[in-house]
Amino acid sequence: MSTLQRNGHSSQPSSIKKVKYYTTRALITVVLLIMLAACSSQEEPVTLKMALLPIMDTLPMYVAQEQGYFAEEGIVVEIHLTLLPS
């Protein structure tokens, strides 16, 4: 066990923790929106607008759109690139 872990501090830098935190939140949000759309009795598709950073963490959203996973669930996805993580 390293000195940092024994003292109660994580060995990962805080920037990595933030990326993991926000990626997890984004994925949970998408999953919940898909579940909500599946419970919907509407015939018209649901439109989901996502503002994504051009980084590797957002790659699953592009793959899901390219493979048609959102379309299978009746979700129209509009991906907008952003350079500000807010």
PDB file of N, CA and C in Angstrom:
ATOM      1  N   MET A   1       0.849  -1.176   0.000  1.00  0.00           N
ATOM      2  CA  MET A   1       0.000   0.000   0.000  1.00  0.00           C
ATOM      3  C   MET A   1       0.891   1.233   0.000  1.00  0.00           C
ATOM      4  N   SER A   2       0.593   2.169  -0.856  1.00  0.00           N
ATOM      5  CA  SER A   2       1.444   3.350  -0.961  1.00  0.00           C
ATOM      6  C   SER A   2       1.204   4.303   0.203  1.00  0.00           C
ATOM      7  N   THR A   3       2.110   5.252   0.373  1.00  0.00           N
ATOM      8  CA  THR A   3       2.004   6.237   1.445  1.00  0.00           C
ATOM      9  C   THR A   3       0.746   7.072   1.289  1.00  0.00           C
ATOM     10  N   LEU A   4       0.412   7.433   0.056  1.00  0.00           N
ATOM     11  CA  LEU A   4      -0.777   8.256  -0.162  1.00  0.00           C
ATOM     12  C   LEU A   4      -2.045   7.503   0.233  1.00  0.00           C
ATOM     13  N   GLN A   5      -2.129   6.225  -0.095  1.00  0.00           N
ATOM     14  CA  GLN A   5      -3.315   5.460   0.232  1.00  0.00           C
ATOM     15  C   GLN A   5      -3.430   5.237   1.733  1.00  0.00           C
ATOM     16  N   ARG A   6      -2.296   5.045   2.424  1.00  0.00           N
ATOM     17  CA  ARG A   6      -2.342   4.854   3.867  1.00  0.00           C
ATOM     18  C   ARG A   6      -2.818   6.105   4.588  1.00  0.00           C
ATOM     19  N   ASN A   7      -2.514   7.260   4.056  1.00  0.00           N
ATOM     20  CA  ASN A   7      -2.916   8.508   4.691  1.00  0.00           C
ATOM     21  C   ASN A   7      -4.340   8.920   4.344  1.00  0.00           C
ATOM     22  N   GLY A   8      -5.042   8.080   3.608  1.00  0.00           N
ATOM     23  CA  GLY A   8      -6.427   8.389   3.295  1.00  0.00           C
ATOM     24  C   GLY A   8      -6.608   9.205   2.029  1.00  0.00           C
ATOM     25  N   HIS A   9      -5.556   9.427   1.279  1.00  0.00           N
ATOM     26  CA  HIS A   9      -5.636  10.172   0.034  1.00  0.00           C
ATOM     27  C   HIS A   9      -5.566   9.200  -1.130  1.00  0.00           C
ATOM     28  N   SER A  10      -6.285   9.506  -2.166  1.00  0.00           N
ATOM     29  CA  SER A  10      -6.271   8.660  -3.346  1.00  0.00           C
ATOM     30  C   SER A  10      -4.984   8.873  -4.118  1.00  0.00           C
ATOM     31  N   SER A  11      -4.569   7.839  -4.836  1.00  0.00           N
ATOM     32  CA  SER A  11      -3.360   7.961  -5.633  1.00  0.00           C
ATOM     33  C   SER A  11      -3.646   8.540  -7.013  1.00  0.00           C
ATOM     34  N   GLN A  12      -4.940   8.728  -7.380  1.00  0.00           N
ATOM     35  CA  GLN A  12      -5.293   9.301  -8.678  1.00  0.00           C
ATOM     36  C   GLN A  12      -5.369  10.813  -8.576  1.00  0.00           C
ATOM     37  N   PRO A  13      -4.908  11.507  -9.596  1.00  0.00           N
ATOM     38  CA  PRO A  13      -5.050  12.966  -9.604  1.00  0.00           C
ATOM     39  C   PRO A  13      -6.524  13.358  -9.664  1.00  0.00           C
ATOM     40  N   SER A  14      -6.830  14.522  -9.161  1.00  0.00           N
ATOM     41  CA  SER A  14      -8.219  14.954  -9.095  1.00  0.00           C
ATOM     42  C   SER A  14      -8.816  15.147 -10.481  1.00  0.00           C
ATOM     43  N   SER A  15      -8.010  15.467 -11.490  1.00  0.00           N
ATOM     44  CA  SER A  15      -8.550  15.647 -12.843  1.00  0.00           C
ATOM     45  C   SER A  15      -9.084  14.328 -13.395  1.00  0.00           C
ATOM     46  N   ILE A  16      -8.435  13.227 -13.098  1.00  0.00           N
ATOM     47  CA  ILE A  16      -8.919  11.918 -13.543  1.00  0.00           C
ATOM     48  C   ILE A  16     -10.217  11.582 -12.832  1.00  0.00           C
ATOM     49  N   LYS A  17     -10.300  11.892 -11.546  1.00  0.00           N
ATOM     50  CA  LYS A  17     -11.529  11.651 -10.798  1.00  0.00           C
ATOM     51  C   LYS A  17     -12.682  12.456 -11.380  1.00  0.00           C
ATOM     52  N   LYS A  18     -12.411  13.702 -11.759  1.00  0.00           N
ATOM     53  CA  LYS A  18     -13.465  14.542 -12.337  1.00  0.00           C
ATOM     54  C   LYS A  18     -13.946  13.969 -13.661  1.00  0.00           C
ATOM     55  N   VAL A  19     -13.029  13.512 -14.485  1.00  0.00           N
ATOM     56  CA  VAL A  19     -13.413  12.940 -15.778  1.00  0.00           C
ATOM     57  C   VAL A  19     -14.273  11.703 -15.560  1.00  0.00           C
ATOM     58  N   LYS A  20     -13.852  10.829 -14.649  1.00  0.00           N
ATOM     59  CA  LYS A  20     -14.634   9.633 -14.347  1.00  0.00           C
ATOM     60  C   LYS A  20     -16.005  10.004 -13.798  1.00  0.00           C
ATOM     61  N   TYR A  21     -16.058  10.991 -12.924  1.00  0.00           N
ATOM     62  CA  TYR A  21     -17.306  11.428 -12.321  1.00  0.00           C
ATOM     63  C   TYR A  21     -18.277  11.938 -13.383  1.00  0.00           C
ATOM     64  N   TYR A  22     -17.800  12.834 -14.245  1.00  0.00           N
ATOM     65  CA  TYR A  22     -18.682  13.423 -15.244  1.00  0.00           C
ATOM     66  C   TYR A  22     -19.050  12.425 -16.334  1.00  0.00           C
ATOM     67  N   THR A  23     -18.156  11.527 -16.681  1.00  0.00           N
ATOM     68  CA  THR A  23     -18.476  10.491 -17.656  1.00  0.00           C
ATOM     69  C   THR A  23     -19.547   9.566 -17.112  1.00  0.00           C
ATOM     70  N   THR A  24     -19.407   9.186 -15.863  1.00  0.00           N
ATOM     71  CA  THR A  24     -20.409   8.332 -15.232  1.00  0.00           C
ATOM     72  C   THR A  24     -21.755   9.028 -15.188  1.00  0.00           C
ATOM     73  N   ARG A  25     -21.764  10.292 -14.822  1.00  0.00           N
ATOM     74  CA  ARG A  25     -23.029  11.043 -14.782  1.00  0.00           C
ATOM     75  C   ARG A  25     -23.663  11.124 -16.157  1.00  0.00           C
ATOM     76  N   ALA A  26     -22.864  11.351 -17.179  1.00  0.00           N
ATOM     77  CA  ALA A  26     -23.399  11.457 -18.538  1.00  0.00           C
ATOM     78  C   ALA A  26     -23.995  10.130 -18.992  1.00  0.00           C
ATOM     79  N   LEU A  27     -23.302   9.038 -18.734  1.00  0.00           N
ATOM     80  CA  LEU A  27     -23.807   7.730 -19.133  1.00  0.00           C
ATOM     81  C   LEU A  27     -25.075   7.359 -18.384  1.00  0.00           C
ATOM     82  N   ILE A  28     -25.129   7.667 -17.102  1.00  0.00           N
ATOM     83  CA  ILE A  28     -26.338   7.397 -16.323  1.00  0.00           C
ATOM     84  C   ILE A  28     -27.501   8.214 -16.861  1.00  0.00           C
ATOM     85  N   THR A  29     -27.253   9.467 -17.214  1.00  0.00           N
ATOM     86  CA  THR A  29     -28.299  10.327 -17.766  1.00  0.00           C
ATOM     87  C   THR A  29     -28.827   9.763 -19.073  1.00  0.00           C
ATOM     88  N   VAL A  30     -27.932   9.336 -19.949  1.00  0.00           N
ATOM     89  CA  VAL A  30     -28.363   8.771 -21.234  1.00  0.00           C
ATOM     90  C   VAL A  30     -29.181   7.500 -21.016  1.00  0.00           C
ATOM     91  N   VAL A  31     -28.720   6.630 -20.131  1.00  0.00           N
ATOM     92  CA  VAL A  31     -29.453   5.396 -19.848  1.00  0.00           C
ATOM     93  C   VAL A  31     -30.840   5.711 -19.296  1.00  0.00           C
ATOM     94  N   LEU A  32     -30.926   6.658 -18.379  1.00  0.00           N
ATOM     95  CA  LEU A  32     -32.224   7.024 -17.826  1.00  0.00           C
ATOM     96  C   LEU A  32     -33.143   7.622 -18.883  1.00  0.00           C
ATOM     97  N   LEU A  33     -32.591   8.422 -19.778  1.00  0.00           N
ATOM     98  CA  LEU A  33     -33.408   8.988 -20.854  1.00  0.00           C
ATOM     99  C   LEU A  33     -33.899   7.906 -21.807  1.00  0.00           C
ATOM    100  N   ILE A  34     -33.069   6.931 -22.090  1.00  0.00           N
ATOM    101  CA  ILE A  34     -33.497   5.816 -22.938  1.00  0.00           C
ATOM    102  C   ILE A  34     -34.599   5.023 -22.258  1.00  0.00           C
ATOM    103  N   MET A  35     -34.440   4.781 -20.960  1.00  0.00           N
ATOM    104  CA  MET A  35     -35.481   4.070 -20.219  1.00  0.00           C
ATOM    105  C   MET A  35     -36.777   4.863 -20.199  1.00  0.00           C
ATOM    106  N   LEU A  36     -36.681   6.161 -20.033  1.00  0.00           N
ATOM    107  CA  LEU A  36     -37.862   7.012 -20.031  1.00  0.00           C
ATOM    108  C   LEU A  36     -38.546   6.979 -21.396  1.00  0.00           C
ATOM    109  N   ALA A  37     -37.762   7.009 -22.449  1.00  0.00           N
ATOM    110  CA  ALA A  37     -38.332   6.957 -23.797  1.00  0.00           C
ATOM    111  C   ALA A  37     -39.003   5.610 -24.048  1.00  0.00           C
ATOM    112  N   ALA A  38     -38.454   4.540 -23.505  1.00  0.00           N
ATOM    113  CA  ALA A  38     -39.034   3.216 -23.686  1.00  0.00           C
ATOM    114  C   ALA A  38     -40.373   3.094 -22.974  1.00  0.00           C
ATOM    115  N   CYS A  39     -40.544   3.823 -21.897  1.00  0.00           N
ATOM    116  CA  CYS A  39     -41.800   3.788 -21.145  1.00  0.00           C
ATOM    117  C   CYS A  39     -42.855   4.687 -21.765  1.00  0.00           C
ATOM    118  N   SER A  40     -42.463   5.502 -22.684  1.00  0.00           N
ATOM    119  CA  SER A  40     -43.369   6.462 -23.302  1.00  0.00           C
ATOM    120  C   SER A  40     -44.320   5.753 -24.253  1.00  0.00           C
ATOM    121  N   SER A  41     -45.556   6.229 -24.295  1.00  0.00           N
ATOM    122  CA  SER A  41     -46.540   5.666 -25.218  1.00  0.00           C
ATOM    123  C   SER A  41     -46.691   6.537 -26.457  1.00  0.00           C
ATOM    124  N   GLN A  42     -45.806   7.473 -26.647  1.00  0.00           N
ATOM    125  CA  GLN A  42     -45.870   8.370 -27.789  1.00  0.00           C
ATOM    126  C   GLN A  42     -45.432   7.631 -29.048  1.00  0.00           C
ATOM    127  N   GLU A  43     -46.065   7.971 -30.155  1.00  0.00           N
ATOM    128  CA  GLU A  43     -45.681   7.408 -31.440  1.00  0.00           C
ATOM    129  C   GLU A  43     -44.544   8.197 -32.084  1.00  0.00           C
ATOM    130  N   GLU A  44     -44.410   9.465 -31.737  1.00  0.00           N
ATOM    131  CA  GLU A  44     -43.373  10.283 -32.345  1.00  0.00           C
ATOM    132  C   GLU A  44     -42.047  10.067 -31.621  1.00  0.00           C
ATOM    133  N   PRO A  45     -40.940  10.175 -32.355  1.00  0.00           N
ATOM    134  CA  PRO A  45     -39.636   9.941 -31.719  1.00  0.00           C
ATOM    135  C   PRO A  45     -39.262  11.055 -30.740  1.00  0.00           C
ATOM    136  N   VAL A  46     -38.470  10.682 -29.773  1.00  0.00           N
ATOM    137  CA  VAL A  46     -37.956  11.624 -28.789  1.00  0.00           C
ATOM    138  C   VAL A  46     -36.657  12.202 -29.341  1.00  0.00           C
ATOM    139  N   THR A  47     -36.475  13.515 -29.203  1.00  0.00           N
ATOM    140  CA  THR A  47     -35.238  14.146 -29.653  1.00  0.00           C
ATOM    141  C   THR A  47     -34.362  14.451 -28.452  1.00  0.00           C
ATOM    142  N   LEU A  48     -33.118  14.012 -28.525  1.00  0.00           N
ATOM    143  CA  LEU A  48     -32.156  14.224 -27.458  1.00  0.00           C
ATOM    144  C   LEU A  48     -31.009  15.047 -28.031  1.00  0.00           C
ATOM    145  N   LYS A  49     -30.793  16.230 -27.468  1.00  0.00           N
ATOM    146  CA  LYS A  49     -29.698  17.091 -27.904  1.00  0.00           C
ATOM    147  C   LYS A  49     -28.559  16.949 -26.907  1.00  0.00           C
ATOM    148  N   MET A  50     -27.379  16.600 -27.422  1.00  0.00           N
ATOM    149  CA  MET A  50     -26.222  16.419 -26.560  1.00  0.00           C
ATOM    150  C   MET A  50     -25.101  17.356 -27.003  1.00  0.00           C
ATOM    151  N   ALA A  51     -24.522  18.058 -26.054  1.00  0.00           N
ATOM    152  CA  ALA A  51     -23.340  18.883 -26.306  1.00  0.00           C
ATOM    153  C   ALA A  51     -22.149  18.095 -25.774  1.00  0.00           C
ATOM    154  N   LEU A  52     -21.294  17.657 -26.670  1.00  0.00           N
ATOM    155  CA  LEU A  52     -20.188  16.791 -26.290  1.00  0.00           C
ATOM    156  C   LEU A  52     -18.850  17.458 -26.564  1.00  0.00           C
ATOM    157  N   LEU A  53     -17.916  17.183 -25.679  1.00  0.00           N
ATOM    158  CA  LEU A  53     -16.540  17.622 -25.886  1.00  0.00           C
ATOM    159  C   LEU A  53     -15.881  16.687 -26.894  1.00  0.00           C
ATOM    160  N   PRO A  54     -14.979  17.185 -27.714  1.00  0.00           N
ATOM    161  CA  PRO A  54     -14.288  16.315 -28.672  1.00  0.00           C
ATOM    162  C   PRO A  54     -13.133  15.558 -28.000  1.00  0.00           C
ATOM    163  N   ILE A  55     -13.506  14.659 -27.078  1.00  0.00           N
ATOM    164  CA  ILE A  55     -12.511  13.859 -26.356  1.00  0.00           C
ATOM    165  C   ILE A  55     -12.926  12.391 -26.416  1.00  0.00           C
ATOM    166  N   MET A  56     -12.035  11.506 -26.055  1.00  0.00           N
ATOM    167  CA  MET A  56     -12.282  10.064 -26.161  1.00  0.00           C
ATOM    168  C   MET A  56     -13.425   9.589 -25.255  1.00  0.00           C
ATOM    169  N   ASP A  57     -13.683  10.270 -24.167  1.00  0.00           N
ATOM    170  CA  ASP A  57     -14.731   9.848 -23.244  1.00  0.00           C
ATOM    171  C   ASP A  57     -16.122   9.891 -23.874  1.00  0.00           C
ATOM    172  N   THR A  58     -16.304  10.700 -24.906  1.00  0.00           N
ATOM    173  CA  THR A  58     -17.614  10.814 -25.540  1.00  0.00           C
ATOM    174  C   THR A  58     -17.771   9.867 -26.726  1.00  0.00           C
ATOM    175  N   LEU A  59     -16.752   9.084 -27.019  1.00  0.00           N
ATOM    176  CA  LEU A  59     -16.785   8.161 -28.142  1.00  0.00           C
ATOM    177  C   LEU A  59     -17.980   7.194 -28.097  1.00  0.00           C
ATOM    178  N   PRO A  60     -18.375   6.654 -26.935  1.00  0.00           N
ATOM    179  CA  PRO A  60     -19.529   5.744 -26.922  1.00  0.00           C
ATOM    180  C   PRO A  60     -20.814   6.376 -27.467  1.00  0.00           C
ATOM    181  N   MET A  61     -20.984   7.663 -27.310  1.00  0.00           N
ATOM    182  CA  MET A  61     -22.178   8.321 -27.833  1.00  0.00           C
ATOM    183  C   MET A  61     -22.168   8.314 -29.365  1.00  0.00           C
ATOM    184  N   TYR A  62     -20.994   8.563 -29.942  1.00  0.00           N
ATOM    185  CA  TYR A  62     -20.867   8.539 -31.398  1.00  0.00           C
ATOM    186  C   TYR A  62     -21.066   7.122 -31.943  1.00  0.00           C
ATOM    187  N   VAL A  63     -20.507   6.141 -31.256  1.00  0.00           N
ATOM    188  CA  VAL A  63     -20.643   4.747 -31.691  1.00  0.00           C
ATOM    189  C   VAL A  63     -22.103   4.318 -31.608  1.00  0.00           C
ATOM    190  N   ALA A  64     -22.778   4.669 -30.519  1.00  0.00           N
ATOM    191  CA  ALA A  64     -24.188   4.306 -30.360  1.00  0.00           C
ATOM    192  C   ALA A  64     -25.040   4.929 -31.464  1.00  0.00           C
ATOM    193  N   GLN A  65     -24.749   6.159 -31.818  1.00  0.00           N
ATOM    194  CA  GLN A  65     -25.494   6.798 -32.887  1.00  0.00           C
ATOM    195  C   GLN A  65     -25.179   6.139 -34.239  1.00  0.00           C
ATOM    196  N   GLU A  66     -23.908   5.875 -34.483  1.00  0.00           N
ATOM    197  CA  GLU A  66     -23.489   5.278 -35.757  1.00  0.00           C
ATOM    198  C   GLU A  66     -24.054   3.858 -35.927  1.00  0.00           C
ATOM    199  N   GLN A  67     -24.110   3.098 -34.847  1.00  0.00           N
ATOM    200  CA  GLN A  67     -24.617   1.731 -34.897  1.00  0.00           C
ATOM    201  C   GLN A  67     -26.148   1.670 -34.888  1.00  0.00           C
ATOM    202  N   GLY A  68     -26.802   2.818 -34.658  1.00  0.00           N
ATOM    203  CA  GLY A  68     -28.261   2.866 -34.694  1.00  0.00           C
ATOM    204  C   GLY A  68     -28.953   2.472 -33.400  1.00  0.00           C
ATOM    205  N   TYR A  69     -28.210   2.456 -32.288  1.00  0.00           N
ATOM    206  CA  TYR A  69     -28.813   2.068 -31.013  1.00  0.00           C
ATOM    207  C   TYR A  69     -29.889   3.057 -30.563  1.00  0.00           C
ATOM    208  N   PHE A  70     -29.645   4.338 -30.763  1.00  0.00           N
ATOM    209  CA  PHE A  70     -30.643   5.332 -30.381  1.00  0.00           C
ATOM    210  C   PHE A  70     -31.877   5.208 -31.266  1.00  0.00           C
ATOM    211  N   ALA A  71     -31.684   5.021 -32.565  1.00  0.00           N
ATOM    212  CA  ALA A  71     -32.805   4.906 -33.503  1.00  0.00           C
ATOM    213  C   ALA A  71     -33.666   3.689 -33.182  1.00  0.00           C
ATOM    214  N   GLU A  72     -33.047   2.594 -32.747  1.00  0.00           N
ATOM    215  CA  GLU A  72     -33.808   1.394 -32.364  1.00  0.00           C
ATOM    216  C   GLU A  72     -34.782   1.692 -31.237  1.00  0.00           C
ATOM    217  N   GLU A  73     -34.415   2.618 -30.384  1.00  0.00           N
ATOM    218  CA  GLU A  73     -35.260   2.976 -29.241  1.00  0.00           C
ATOM    219  C   GLU A  73     -36.174   4.155 -29.544  1.00  0.00           C
ATOM    220  N   GLY A  74     -36.147   4.638 -30.777  1.00  0.00           N
ATOM    221  CA  GLY A  74     -37.010   5.754 -31.153  1.00  0.00           C
ATOM    222  C   GLY A  74     -36.500   7.101 -30.681  1.00  0.00           C
ATOM    223  N   ILE A  75     -35.184   7.216 -30.545  1.00  0.00           N
ATOM    224  CA  ILE A  75     -34.591   8.462 -30.074  1.00  0.00           C
ATOM    225  C   ILE A  75     -33.798   9.095 -31.212  1.00  0.00           C
ATOM    226  N   VAL A  76     -34.116  10.345 -31.512  1.00  0.00           N
ATOM    227  CA  VAL A  76     -33.358  11.107 -32.497  1.00  0.00           C
ATOM    228  C   VAL A  76     -32.311  11.897 -31.727  1.00  0.00           C
ATOM    229  N   VAL A  77     -31.051  11.689 -32.059  1.00  0.00           N
ATOM    230  CA  VAL A  77     -29.957  12.327 -31.332  1.00  0.00           C
ATOM    231  C   VAL A  77     -29.342  13.426 -32.193  1.00  0.00           C
ATOM    232  N   GLU A  78     -29.210  14.592 -31.597  1.00  0.00           N
ATOM    233  CA  GLU A  78     -28.507  15.709 -32.223  1.00  0.00           C
ATOM    234  C   GLU A  78     -27.254  15.977 -31.395  1.00  0.00           C
ATOM    235  N   ILE A  79     -26.096  15.695 -31.970  1.00  0.00           N
ATOM    236  CA  ILE A  79     -24.832  15.893 -31.269  1.00  0.00           C
ATOM    237  C   ILE A  79     -24.230  17.216 -31.716  1.00  0.00           C
ATOM    238  N   HIS A  80     -23.930  18.053 -30.726  1.00  0.00           N
ATOM    239  CA  HIS A  80     -23.298  19.345 -30.970  1.00  0.00           C
ATOM    240  C   HIS A  80     -21.955  19.360 -30.247  1.00  0.00           C
ATOM    241  N   LEU A  81     -20.901  19.694 -30.965  1.00  0.00           N
ATOM    242  CA  LEU A  81     -19.579  19.778 -30.339  1.00  0.00           C
ATOM    243  C   LEU A  81     -19.454  21.081 -29.560  1.00  0.00           C
ATOM    244  N   THR A  82     -18.821  20.979 -28.418  1.00  0.00           N
ATOM    245  CA  THR A  82     -18.566  22.145 -27.584  1.00  0.00           C
ATOM    246  C   THR A  82     -17.131  22.084 -27.079  1.00  0.00           C
ATOM    247  N   LEU A  83     -16.563  23.216 -26.815  1.00  0.00           N
ATOM    248  CA  LEU A  83     -15.201  23.258 -26.279  1.00  0.00           C
ATOM    249  C   LEU A  83     -15.190  23.623 -24.797  1.00  0.00           C
ATOM    250  N   LEU A  84     -16.361  23.916 -24.236  1.00  0.00           N
ATOM    251  CA  LEU A  84     -16.468  24.295 -22.824  1.00  0.00           C
ATOM    252  C   LEU A  84     -17.160  23.180 -22.055  1.00  0.00           C
ATOM    253  N   PRO A  85     -16.515  22.650 -21.020  1.00  0.00           N
ATOM    254  CA  PRO A  85     -17.109  21.551 -20.248  1.00  0.00           C
ATOM    255  C   PRO A  85     -18.090  22.036 -19.183  1.00  0.00           C
ATOM    256  N   SER A  86     -19.172  22.646 -19.609  1.00  0.00           N
ATOM    257  CA  SER A  86     -20.150  23.104 -18.617  1.00  0.00           C
ATOM    258  C   SER A  86     -21.544  22.665 -18.939  1.00  0.00           C
TER     259      SER A  86
END
